[in-house]
């Protein structure tokens, strides 16, 4: 009658039983009110961090837009100055070398 128990690996059976007990206890712990309070506090901290990151990202984006606008204005001014210089050089060149027809 006890020969059927000889083929059972008691070490693996004990590990399985321990896992079942640990899993059952783990479910009870994870579902407790203290654990739920912990989850809520962690989620609240995550939401605060998200708000902080979003505020920082918005500030960076606004600064980048200002920088871009200033850079475009500098380029407009520079291209206007170069156009004036080109016109001056062209008019000086015509005055020095009049075209004979």
Protein backbone atom coordinates (compact mmCIF):
# COMPACT_ATOMS: atom_id res chain seq x y z
CA UNK A 1 0.00 0.00 0.00
CA UNK A 2 2.80 2.42 0.79
CA UNK A 3 4.77 1.50 -2.32
CA UNK A 4 2.87 4.17 -4.33
CA UNK A 5 4.34 6.86 -2.07
CA UNK A 6 7.88 5.76 -2.86
CA UNK A 7 7.77 7.19 -6.37
CA UNK A 8 6.75 10.67 -5.12
CA UNK A 9 9.55 13.22 -5.00
CA UNK A 10 8.89 14.72 -1.58
CA UNK A 11 11.21 17.67 -2.10
CA UNK A 12 9.31 18.87 -5.18
CA UNK A 13 5.99 18.23 -3.45
CA UNK A 14 7.08 20.30 -0.44
CA UNK A 15 8.23 23.12 -2.71
CA UNK A 16 4.88 23.06 -4.51
CA UNK A 17 2.93 23.10 -1.24
CA UNK A 18 5.09 25.96 0.06
CA UNK A 19 4.44 27.89 -3.14
CA UNK A 20 0.70 27.42 -2.79
CA UNK A 21 0.80 28.62 0.82
CA UNK A 22 3.01 31.56 -0.07
CA UNK A 23 0.77 32.47 -3.00
CA UNK A 24 -2.35 32.34 -0.83
CA UNK A 25 -0.71 34.50 1.82
CA UNK A 26 0.55 36.86 -0.88
CA UNK A 27 -2.95 37.35 -2.27
CA UNK A 28 -4.23 38.17 1.20
CA UNK A 29 -1.41 40.67 1.78
CA UNK A 30 -1.80 42.32 -1.63
CA UNK A 31 -5.54 42.66 -1.13
CA UNK A 32 -5.33 44.12 2.38
CA UNK A 33 -6.41 47.66 3.19
CA UNK A 34 -2.84 48.64 4.13
CA UNK A 35 -1.61 47.49 0.74
CA UNK A 36 -4.39 49.45 -0.99
CA UNK A 37 -3.38 52.59 0.92
CA UNK A 38 0.19 52.03 -0.25
CA UNK A 39 -0.96 51.64 -3.87
CA UNK A 40 -2.99 54.85 -3.65
CA UNK A 41 -0.05 56.80 -2.21
CA UNK A 42 2.29 55.47 -4.88
CA UNK A 43 -0.16 56.38 -7.63
CA UNK A 44 -0.65 59.87 -6.16
CA UNK A 45 3.12 60.37 -6.10
CA UNK A 46 3.31 59.22 -9.72
CA UNK A 47 0.61 61.69 -10.74
CA UNK A 48 2.44 64.53 -8.95
CA UNK A 49 5.65 63.57 -10.75
CA UNK A 50 3.77 63.55 -14.07
CA UNK A 51 2.42 67.05 -13.40
CA UNK A 52 5.91 68.28 -12.56
CA UNK A 53 7.37 66.76 -15.71
CA UNK A 54 4.59 68.20 -17.87
CA UNK A 55 5.10 71.67 -16.37
CA UNK A 56 8.82 71.47 -17.05
CA UNK A 57 8.23 70.22 -20.59
CA UNK A 58 5.80 73.09 -21.26
CA UNK A 59 8.34 75.64 -20.00
CA UNK A 60 11.06 74.14 -22.16
CA UNK A 61 8.77 74.17 -25.20
CA UNK A 62 7.83 77.82 -24.65
CA UNK A 63 11.50 78.76 -24.30
CA UNK A 64 12.34 76.87 -27.47
CA UNK A 65 9.60 78.72 -29.36
CA UNK A 66 10.97 82.07 -28.12
CA UNK A 67 14.48 81.11 -29.16
CA UNK A 68 13.25 80.03 -32.59
CA UNK A 69 11.37 83.31 -33.07
CA UNK A 70 14.44 85.35 -32.09
CA UNK A 71 16.68 83.32 -34.41
CA UNK A 72 14.28 83.83 -37.32
CA UNK A 73 14.20 87.58 -36.62
CA UNK A 74 18.01 87.71 -36.59
CA UNK A 75 18.10 85.89 -39.92
CA UNK A 76 15.52 88.28 -41.41
CA UNK A 77 17.55 91.29 -40.28
CA UNK A 78 20.78 89.78 -41.54
CA UNK A 79 19.30 88.96 -44.95
CA UNK A 80 17.91 92.52 -45.16
CA UNK A 81 21.33 93.99 -44.33
CA UNK A 82 23.00 91.75 -46.91
CA UNK A 83 20.49 92.84 -49.55
CA UNK A 84 21.24 96.51 -48.79
CA UNK A 85 24.99 95.84 -48.95
CA UNK A 86 24.57 94.03 -52.27
CA UNK A 87 22.61 96.97 -53.69
CA UNK A 88 25.28 99.42 -52.48
CA UNK A 89 28.04 97.34 -54.04
CA UNK A 90 26.11 97.09 -57.28
CA UNK A 91 25.47 100.84 -57.41
CA UNK A 92 29.13 101.59 -56.63
CA UNK A 93 30.18 99.17 -59.35
CA UNK A 94 27.94 100.91 -61.89
CA UNK A 95 29.26 104.34 -60.89
CA UNK A 96 32.88 103.25 -61.31
CA UNK A 97 32.34 101.34 -64.55
CA UNK A 98 29.65 103.07 -66.55
CA UNK A 99 28.34 100.98 -69.36
CA UNK A 100 29.10 102.54 -72.75
CA UNK A 101 26.44 102.03 -75.30
